[in-house]
Amino acid sequence: MDQTVHPRGPDMLYELVAGLGLPRGTVALDVGCGQGGHAIELALRFRLRVRGLDPLPSHVEAAQRRRANAAGGDEPELSELVSFGPSGSRGHAGSGWLS
């Protein structure tokens, strides 16, 4: 491989979302959410409803803890805006979550 994909930091994601002008409550899906940092930040900055999916149970558990810690401060609404769950053959966005 002689070419790079020119990776960028998370600010590019936030700038892109800001430029879209999405209304509060817009649903976003974070596939491969890892420990949930981007999903939580999207909810905090833009008040999006974000569902984070990850195939590793340890990542889902870490993301849930991270959300709980963030929601325990000045953001009690965060637990209503962000949720995390498994992905893969058994994982799905959750019954009724996207409705």
Protein backbone atom coordinates (compact mmCIF):
# COMPACT_ATOMS: atom_id res chain seq x y z
CA MET A 1 0.00 0.00 0.00
CA ASP A 2 1.62 3.17 -1.18
CA GLN A 3 -1.33 5.42 -0.42
CA THR A 4 -2.82 6.66 2.81
CA VAL A 5 -6.51 7.15 3.49
CA HIS A 6 -5.61 10.43 5.24
CA PRO A 7 -7.16 9.64 8.61
CA ARG A 8 -8.66 12.59 10.42
CA GLY A 9 -9.50 13.28 14.02
CA PRO A 10 -13.00 13.39 15.51
CA ASP A 11 -13.33 17.12 14.88
CA MET A 12 -14.00 16.30 11.24
CA LEU A 13 -17.05 14.25 12.29
CA TYR A 14 -18.38 17.06 14.47
CA GLU A 15 -17.80 19.67 11.76
CA LEU A 16 -19.61 17.48 9.23
CA VAL A 17 -22.60 16.99 11.54
CA ALA A 18 -22.70 20.71 12.37
CA GLY A 19 -22.78 21.52 8.66
CA LEU A 20 -25.79 19.26 8.12
CA GLY A 21 -27.96 21.40 10.39
CA LEU A 22 -29.84 18.39 11.76
CA PRO A 23 -32.69 19.17 14.15
CA ARG A 24 -32.53 18.11 17.79
CA GLY A 25 -33.70 14.55 18.26
CA THR A 26 -32.50 13.32 14.87
CA VAL A 27 -31.61 9.63 15.11
CA ALA A 28 -28.01 8.60 14.43
CA LEU A 29 -26.48 5.13 14.39
CA ASP A 30 -22.86 4.63 15.45
CA VAL A 31 -21.81 1.23 14.13
CA GLY A 32 -18.63 0.01 15.78
CA CYS A 33 -19.03 2.58 18.55
CA GLY A 34 -16.20 1.25 20.69
CA GLN A 35 -16.37 2.82 24.12
CA GLY A 36 -19.01 5.32 23.03
CA GLY A 37 -17.09 8.57 23.01
CA HIS A 38 -18.31 9.82 19.64
CA ALA A 39 -21.92 8.79 20.29
CA ILE A 40 -21.96 10.62 23.61
CA GLU A 41 -20.34 13.71 22.13
CA LEU A 42 -22.85 13.80 19.25
CA ALA A 43 -25.68 13.72 21.78
CA LEU A 44 -24.10 16.42 23.94
CA ARG A 45 -23.16 18.79 21.12
CA PHE A 46 -26.14 18.35 18.82
CA ARG A 47 -28.81 16.69 20.97
CA LEU A 48 -29.02 13.77 18.55
CA ARG A 49 -30.58 10.47 19.63
CA VAL A 50 -27.69 8.07 19.13
CA ARG A 51 -27.69 4.28 19.17
CA GLY A 52 -24.19 2.83 19.48
CA LEU A 53 -23.59 -0.75 18.33
CA ASP A 54 -20.44 -2.78 18.86
CA PRO A 55 -19.71 -6.52 18.51
CA LEU A 56 -17.55 -6.64 21.66
CA PRO A 57 -19.50 -6.89 24.93
CA SER A 58 -16.60 -5.22 26.77
CA HIS A 59 -16.95 -2.16 24.52
CA VAL A 60 -20.71 -2.01 25.07
CA GLU A 61 -20.23 -2.25 28.84
CA ALA A 62 -17.53 0.45 28.78
CA ALA A 63 -19.77 2.72 26.69
CA GLN A 64 -22.67 2.23 29.10
CA ARG A 65 -20.42 3.14 32.05
CA ARG A 66 -19.10 6.17 30.19
CA ARG A 67 -22.64 7.35 29.47
CA ALA A 68 -23.66 6.83 33.11
CA ASN A 69 -20.67 8.86 34.30
CA ALA A 70 -21.44 11.68 31.87
CA ALA A 71 -25.17 11.61 32.71
CA GLY A 72 -24.42 11.77 36.42
CA GLY A 73 -23.07 15.28 36.05
CA ASP A 74 -24.96 18.09 34.38
CA GLU A 75 -26.47 15.89 31.66
CA PRO A 76 -29.25 13.70 33.12
CA GLU A 77 -31.01 13.82 29.71
CA LEU A 78 -28.05 11.95 28.19
CA SER A 79 -29.38 8.56 29.29
CA GLU A 80 -32.47 9.26 27.17
CA LEU A 81 -30.46 10.39 24.14
CA VAL A 82 -27.80 7.68 23.96
CA SER A 83 -28.03 3.90 24.20
CA PHE A 84 -25.57 1.13 23.49
CA GLY A 85 -26.02 -2.49 22.54
CA PRO A 86 -24.48 -5.45 20.75
CA SER A 87 -24.12 -5.70 17.00
CA GLY A 88 -23.77 -8.77 14.85
CA SER A 89 -26.14 -11.57 14.05
CA ARG A 90 -27.95 -11.27 17.38
CA GLY A 91 -27.64 -7.52 17.80
CA HIS A 92 -30.10 -5.01 16.43
CA ALA A 93 -31.07 -1.41 16.97
CA GLY A 94 -33.61 -2.41 19.58
CA SER A 95 -37.30 -3.03 19.35
CA GLY A 96 -39.02 0.29 18.91
CA TRP A 97 -35.91 2.36 19.57
CA LEU A 98 -35.81 3.92 16.11
CA SER A 99 -39.53 4.62 15.93
